[in-house]
Amino acid sequence: MDLKSLGKRLADVGLPLLGAALPVPGGAAIGAALAEYVTGDAKASAADVVDAITADPAARERAAEFQATHRETVLKVLTEHDLNRARVALEDRQGARRASVEGGTAKRLFVLSVVILAASLGAEIAALFHGLPAGVSELVVGRVLGLLDAAAMLVLGFHYGTSEGAGRATELLAQSAPVK
């Protein structure tokens, strides 16, 4: 059993914080500390820890106590993991945009974006006002329009970001201390 499976099992038995923390970087140390606290053996396998927690109410109590005692540490590991993921995603987006500007592809990307958006909107307007072409299956038209919609959403996501969560992640990154 790996840490991800152990995390899911712990979440299933009422230890969601530990369940979320084990599969992330740094989770192995928490898992070893939990194993030692619950079974008395830091080298106990994940399966042994789960078996002890599910079979022995006292072990489950010790695991809950461990979760409560180390709540701040676990939350710190989870927060650092989330910040690192957001930082990597932000750097990836910034790198792609920077490369498009520095590499001279910004104009081509803009033209391609306009073509994709025009094709998507044009097809939608044509289908809306002129109806479906004779002899073409509704399923085929729906798939083509869906593909054009997906392409338009990718273009908009590239230029404006994909969600409010991306904006919040950027704000969190701006407030966080740099990782050394």
C-alpha atoms as a PDB file:
ATOM      1  CA  MET A   1       0.000   0.000   0.000  1.00  0.00           C
ATOM      2  CA  ASP A   2       1.408   3.380  -0.966  1.00  0.00           C
ATOM      3  CA  LEU A   3       0.966   6.717   0.810  1.00  0.00           C
ATOM      4  CA  LYS A   4      -1.884   7.735  -1.497  1.00  0.00           C
ATOM      5  CA  SER A   5      -3.847   4.591  -0.640  1.00  0.00           C
ATOM      6  CA  LEU A   6      -3.025   5.042   3.031  1.00  0.00           C
ATOM      7  CA  GLY A   7      -4.216   8.646   2.834  1.00  0.00           C
ATOM      8  CA  LYS A   8      -7.529   7.556   1.318  1.00  0.00           C
ATOM      9  CA  ARG A   9      -8.025   4.881   3.957  1.00  0.00           C
ATOM     10  CA  LEU A  10      -7.243   7.354   6.756  1.00  0.00           C
ATOM     11  CA  ALA A  11      -9.725   9.836   5.316  1.00  0.00           C
ATOM     12  CA  ASP A  12     -12.308   7.024   5.165  1.00  0.00           C
ATOM     13  CA  VAL A  13     -11.872   6.237   8.881  1.00  0.00           C
ATOM     14  CA  GLY A  14     -12.332   9.854   9.958  1.00  0.00           C
ATOM     15  CA  LEU A  15      -8.806  11.272   9.742  1.00  0.00           C
ATOM     16  CA  PRO A  16      -9.174  13.572   6.716  1.00  0.00           C
ATOM     17  CA  LEU A  17      -6.307  15.917   7.549  1.00  0.00           C
ATOM     18  CA  LEU A  18      -3.789  13.083   7.734  1.00  0.00           C
ATOM     19  CA  GLY A  19      -5.360  11.491   4.681  1.00  0.00           C
ATOM     20  CA  ALA A  20      -4.796  14.652   2.673  1.00  0.00           C
ATOM     21  CA  ALA A  21      -1.219  15.192   3.903  1.00  0.00           C
ATOM     22  CA  LEU A  22       0.325  11.764   3.392  1.00  0.00           C
ATOM     23  CA  PRO A  23       0.378  11.691  -0.437  1.00  0.00           C
ATOM     24  CA  VAL A  24       2.087  15.105  -0.749  1.00  0.00           C
ATOM     25  CA  PRO A  25       5.833  15.779  -0.507  1.00  0.00           C
ATOM     26  CA  GLY A  26       6.787  15.630   3.170  1.00  0.00           C
ATOM     27  CA  GLY A  27       3.954  13.190   3.819  1.00  0.00           C
ATOM     28  CA  ALA A  28       6.318  10.236   4.168  1.00  0.00           C
ATOM     29  CA  ALA A  29       7.843  11.789   7.295  1.00  0.00           C
ATOM     30  CA  ILE A  30       4.375  12.345   8.728  1.00  0.00           C
ATOM     31  CA  GLY A  31       3.489   8.756   7.812  1.00  0.00           C
ATOM     32  CA  ALA A  32       6.570   7.405   9.604  1.00  0.00           C
ATOM     33  CA  ALA A  33       5.809   9.503  12.696  1.00  0.00           C
ATOM     34  CA  LEU A  34       2.195   8.314  12.609  1.00  0.00           C
ATOM     35  CA  ALA A  35       3.302   4.689  12.255  1.00  0.00           C
ATOM     36  CA  GLU A  36       5.573   5.013  15.276  1.00  0.00           C
ATOM     37  CA  TYR A  37       2.873   6.765  17.307  1.00  0.00           C
ATOM     38  CA  VAL A  38       0.165   4.244  16.443  1.00  0.00           C
ATOM     39  CA  THR A  39       2.088   0.952  16.227  1.00  0.00           C
ATOM     40  CA  GLY A  40       5.308   1.765  18.093  1.00  0.00           C
ATOM     41  CA  ASP A  41       7.330   0.976  14.951  1.00  0.00           C
ATOM     42  CA  ALA A  42       8.388   3.824  12.619  1.00  0.00           C
ATOM     43  CA  LYS A  43       9.118   1.251   9.893  1.00  0.00           C
ATOM     44  CA  ALA A  44       5.625  -0.284  10.018  1.00  0.00           C
ATOM     45  CA  SER A  45       4.097  -0.617   6.576  1.00  0.00           C
ATOM     46  CA  ALA A  46       1.175   1.527   5.509  1.00  0.00           C
ATOM     47  CA  ALA A  47      -1.020  -1.580   5.514  1.00  0.00           C
ATOM     48  CA  ASP A  48      -0.010  -2.345   9.122  1.00  0.00           C
ATOM     49  CA  VAL A  49      -0.929   1.195  10.179  1.00  0.00           C
ATOM     50  CA  VAL A  50      -4.323   0.971   8.483  1.00  0.00           C
ATOM     51  CA  ASP A  51      -4.962  -2.475   9.946  1.00  0.00           C
ATOM     52  CA  ALA A  52      -4.080  -1.229  13.438  1.00  0.00           C
ATOM     53  CA  ILE A  53      -6.322   1.833  13.109  1.00  0.00           C
ATOM     54  CA  THR A  54      -9.295  -0.094  11.730  1.00  0.00           C
ATOM     55  CA  ALA A  55      -9.000  -3.044  14.102  1.00  0.00           C
ATOM     56  CA  ASP A  56      -8.069  -1.367  17.387  1.00  0.00           C
ATOM     57  CA  PRO A  57     -10.153   1.508  18.786  1.00  0.00           C
ATOM     58  CA  ALA A  58      -7.173   2.563  20.937  1.00  0.00           C
ATOM     59  CA  ALA A  59      -4.985   2.834  17.817  1.00  0.00           C
ATOM     60  CA  ARG A  60      -7.672   4.901  16.108  1.00  0.00           C
ATOM     61  CA  GLU A  61      -7.752   7.129  19.204  1.00  0.00           C
ATOM     62  CA  ARG A  62      -3.948   7.516  19.053  1.00  0.00           C
ATOM     63  CA  ALA A  63      -4.157   8.398  15.355  1.00  0.00           C
ATOM     64  CA  ALA A  64      -6.837  11.023  16.066  1.00  0.00           C
ATOM     65  CA  GLU A  65      -4.676  12.369  18.891  1.00  0.00           C
ATOM     66  CA  PHE A  66      -1.681  12.479  16.536  1.00  0.00           C
ATOM     67  CA  GLN A  67      -3.763  14.399  13.978  1.00  0.00           C
ATOM     68  CA  ALA A  68      -4.891  16.906  16.630  1.00  0.00           C
ATOM     69  CA  THR A  69      -1.406  17.307  18.134  1.00  0.00           C
ATOM     70  CA  HIS A  70       0.325  17.822  14.794  1.00  0.00           C
ATOM     71  CA  ARG A  71      -2.456  19.760  13.096  1.00  0.00           C
ATOM     72  CA  GLU A  72      -0.304  22.850  12.496  1.00  0.00           C
ATOM     73  CA  THR A  73       2.539  20.839  10.983  1.00  0.00           C
ATOM     74  CA  VAL A  74       0.185  18.916   8.717  1.00  0.00           C
ATOM     75  CA  LEU A  75      -1.547  22.123   7.632  1.00  0.00           C
ATOM     76  CA  LYS A  76       1.840  23.698   6.935  1.00  0.00           C
ATOM     77  CA  VAL A  77       2.834  20.740   4.729  1.00  0.00           C
ATOM     78  CA  LEU A  78      -0.462  20.975   2.838  1.00  0.00           C
ATOM     79  CA  THR A  79      -0.220  24.755   2.446  1.00  0.00           C
ATOM     80  CA  GLU A  80       3.377  24.579   1.204  1.00  0.00           C
ATOM     81  CA  HIS A  81       2.354  21.876  -1.259  1.00  0.00           C
ATOM     82  CA  ASP A  82      -0.529  23.995  -2.571  1.00  0.00           C
ATOM     83  CA  LEU A  83       1.700  27.075  -2.816  1.00  0.00           C
ATOM     84  CA  ASN A  84       4.384  25.133  -4.673  1.00  0.00           C
ATOM     85  CA  ARG A  85       1.841  23.755  -7.134  1.00  0.00           C
ATOM     86  CA  ALA A  86       0.427  27.246  -7.697  1.00  0.00           C
ATOM     87  CA  ARG A  87       3.947  28.667  -8.081  1.00  0.00           C
ATOM     88  CA  VAL A  88       4.855  26.047 -10.697  1.00  0.00           C
ATOM     89  CA  ALA A  89       1.619  26.677 -12.612  1.00  0.00           C
ATOM     90  CA  LEU A  90       2.166  30.433 -12.488  1.00  0.00           C
ATOM     91  CA  GLU A  91       5.774  30.112 -13.653  1.00  0.00           C
ATOM     92  CA  ASP A  92       4.630  27.819 -16.460  1.00  0.00           C
ATOM     93  CA  ARG A  93       2.034  30.329 -17.684  1.00  0.00           C
ATOM     94  CA  GLN A  94       4.443  33.239 -17.354  1.00  0.00           C
ATOM     95  CA  GLY A  95       7.151  31.296 -19.177  1.00  0.00           C
ATOM     96  CA  ALA A  96       4.817  30.452 -22.037  1.00  0.00           C
ATOM     97  CA  ARG A  97       3.710  34.041 -22.383  1.00  0.00           C
ATOM     98  CA  ARG A  98       7.267  35.367 -22.087  1.00  0.00           C
ATOM     99  CA  ALA A  99       8.468  32.868 -24.700  1.00  0.00           C
ATOM    100  CA  SER A 100       5.713  33.919 -27.083  1.00  0.00           C
ATOM    101  CA  VAL A 101       6.700  37.577 -26.755  1.00  0.00           C
ATOM    102  CA  GLU A 102      10.475  37.084 -26.795  1.00  0.00           C
ATOM    103  CA  GLY A 103      10.361  34.501 -29.546  1.00  0.00           C
ATOM    104  CA  GLY A 104       8.360  36.757 -31.843  1.00  0.00           C
ATOM    105  CA  THR A 105       5.348  34.475 -31.878  1.00  0.00           C
ATOM    106  CA  ALA A 106       3.031  36.882 -30.056  1.00  0.00           C
ATOM    107  CA  LYS A 107       1.624  38.286 -33.310  1.00  0.00           C
ATOM    108  CA  ARG A 108       1.080  34.806 -34.741  1.00  0.00           C
ATOM    109  CA  LEU A 109      -0.607  33.670 -31.518  1.00  0.00           C
ATOM    110  CA  PHE A 110      -2.870  36.701 -31.612  1.00  0.00           C
ATOM    111  CA  VAL A 111      -3.844  36.033 -35.240  1.00  0.00           C
ATOM    112  CA  LEU A 112      -4.432  32.348 -34.490  1.00  0.00           C
ATOM    113  CA  SER A 113      -6.538  33.297 -31.458  1.00  0.00           C
ATOM    114  CA  VAL A 114      -8.681  35.647 -33.547  1.00  0.00           C
ATOM    115  CA  VAL A 115      -9.153  32.971 -36.239  1.00  0.00           C
ATOM    116  CA  ILE A 116     -10.190  30.337 -33.674  1.00  0.00           C
ATOM    117  CA  LEU A 117     -12.613  32.683 -31.905  1.00  0.00           C
ATOM    118  CA  ALA A 118     -14.077  33.876 -35.241  1.00  0.00           C
ATOM    119  CA  ALA A 119     -14.547  30.285 -36.453  1.00  0.00           C
ATOM    120  CA  SER A 120     -16.224  29.290 -33.209  1.00  0.00           C
ATOM    121  CA  LEU A 121     -18.550  32.288 -33.087  1.00  0.00           C
ATOM    122  CA  GLY A 122     -19.240  32.093 -36.828  1.00  0.00           C
ATOM    123  CA  ALA A 123     -20.240  28.436 -36.636  1.00  0.00           C
ATOM    124  CA  GLU A 124     -22.444  29.063 -33.596  1.00  0.00           C
ATOM    125  CA  ILE A 125     -24.177  32.025 -35.276  1.00  0.00           C
ATOM    126  CA  ALA A 126     -24.635  30.088 -38.533  1.00  0.00           C
ATOM    127  CA  ALA A 127     -26.191  27.135 -36.698  1.00  0.00           C
ATOM    128  CA  LEU A 128     -28.398  29.453 -34.636  1.00  0.00           C
ATOM    129  CA  PHE A 129     -29.758  31.610 -37.462  1.00  0.00           C
ATOM    130  CA  HIS A 130     -29.559  29.294 -40.488  1.00  0.00           C
ATOM    131  CA  GLY A 131     -30.240  25.939 -38.839  1.00  0.00           C
ATOM    132  CA  LEU A 132     -28.419  22.699 -39.457  1.00  0.00           C
ATOM    133  CA  PRO A 133     -27.121  21.871 -42.933  1.00  0.00           C
ATOM    134  CA  ALA A 134     -29.360  19.470 -44.849  1.00  0.00           C
ATOM    135  CA  GLY A 135     -28.258  15.852 -44.711  1.00  0.00           C
ATOM    136  CA  VAL A 136     -25.828  16.330 -41.824  1.00  0.00           C
ATOM    137  CA  SER A 137     -26.446  14.460 -38.589  1.00  0.00           C
ATOM    138  CA  GLU A 138     -27.240  16.558 -35.519  1.00  0.00           C
ATOM    139  CA  LEU A 139     -24.620  14.515 -33.680  1.00  0.00           C
ATOM    140  CA  VAL A 140     -21.893  15.521 -36.139  1.00  0.00           C
ATOM    141  CA  VAL A 141     -22.863  19.208 -35.978  1.00  0.00           C
ATOM    142  CA  GLY A 142     -22.959  19.032 -32.177  1.00  0.00           C
ATOM    143  CA  ARG A 143     -19.503  17.474 -32.043  1.00  0.00           C
ATOM    144  CA  VAL A 144     -18.024  20.061 -34.396  1.00  0.00           C
ATOM    145  CA  LEU A 145     -19.587  22.933 -32.432  1.00  0.00           C
ATOM    146  CA  GLY A 146     -18.390  21.378 -29.176  1.00  0.00           C
ATOM    147  CA  LEU A 147     -14.850  21.110 -30.548  1.00  0.00           C
ATOM    148  CA  LEU A 148     -14.917  24.741 -31.652  1.00  0.00           C
ATOM    149  CA  ASP A 149     -16.269  25.777 -28.236  1.00  0.00           C
ATOM    150  CA  ALA A 150     -13.460  23.884 -26.503  1.00  0.00           C
ATOM    151  CA  ALA A 151     -10.860  25.547 -28.754  1.00  0.00           C
ATOM    152  CA  ALA A 152     -12.358  28.967 -27.999  1.00  0.00           C
ATOM    153  CA  MET A 153     -12.217  28.267 -24.257  1.00  0.00           C
ATOM    154  CA  LEU A 154      -8.540  27.291 -24.551  1.00  0.00           C
ATOM    155  CA  VAL A 155      -7.797  30.558 -26.326  1.00  0.00           C
ATOM    156  CA  LEU A 156      -9.669  32.592 -23.716  1.00  0.00           C
ATOM    157  CA  GLY A 157      -8.015  30.638 -20.899  1.00  0.00           C
ATOM    158  CA  PHE A 158      -4.581  31.353 -22.363  1.00  0.00           C
ATOM    159  CA  HIS A 159      -5.202  35.076 -22.675  1.00  0.00           C
ATOM    160  CA  TYR A 160      -7.232  35.730 -19.511  1.00  0.00           C
ATOM    161  CA  GLY A 161      -6.482  32.851 -17.121  1.00  0.00           C
ATOM    162  CA  THR A 162      -8.683  29.879 -16.440  1.00  0.00           C
ATOM    163  CA  SER A 163     -10.528  30.662 -13.242  1.00  0.00           C
ATOM    164  CA  GLU A 164     -10.966  32.824 -10.217  1.00  0.00           C
ATOM    165  CA  GLY A 165      -8.831  30.256  -8.411  1.00  0.00           C
ATOM    166  CA  ALA A 166      -5.886  31.200 -10.632  1.00  0.00           C
ATOM    167  CA  GLY A 167      -6.246  34.806  -9.536  1.00  0.00           C
ATOM    168  CA  ARG A 168      -6.380  33.789  -5.894  1.00  0.00           C
ATOM    169  CA  ALA A 169      -3.335  31.576  -6.356  1.00  0.00           C
ATOM    170  CA  THR A 170      -1.455  34.513  -7.853  1.00  0.00           C
ATOM    171  CA  GLU A 171      -2.491  36.662  -4.887  1.00  0.00           C
ATOM    172  CA  LEU A 172      -1.355  33.980  -2.420  1.00  0.00           C
ATOM    173  CA  LEU A 173       1.972  33.688  -4.195  1.00  0.00           C
ATOM    174  CA  ALA A 174       2.491  37.427  -4.026  1.00  0.00           C
ATOM    175  CA  GLN A 175       1.904  37.346  -0.246  1.00  0.00           C
ATOM    176  CA  SER A 176       4.029  34.264   0.433  1.00  0.00           C
ATOM    177  CA  ALA A 177       7.657  34.266   1.380  1.00  0.00           C
ATOM    178  CA  PRO A 178      10.001  32.996  -1.356  1.00  0.00           C
ATOM    179  CA  VAL A 179      11.133  29.391  -0.983  1.00  0.00           C
ATOM    180  CA  LYS A 180      14.921  29.080  -0.710  1.00  0.00           C
END
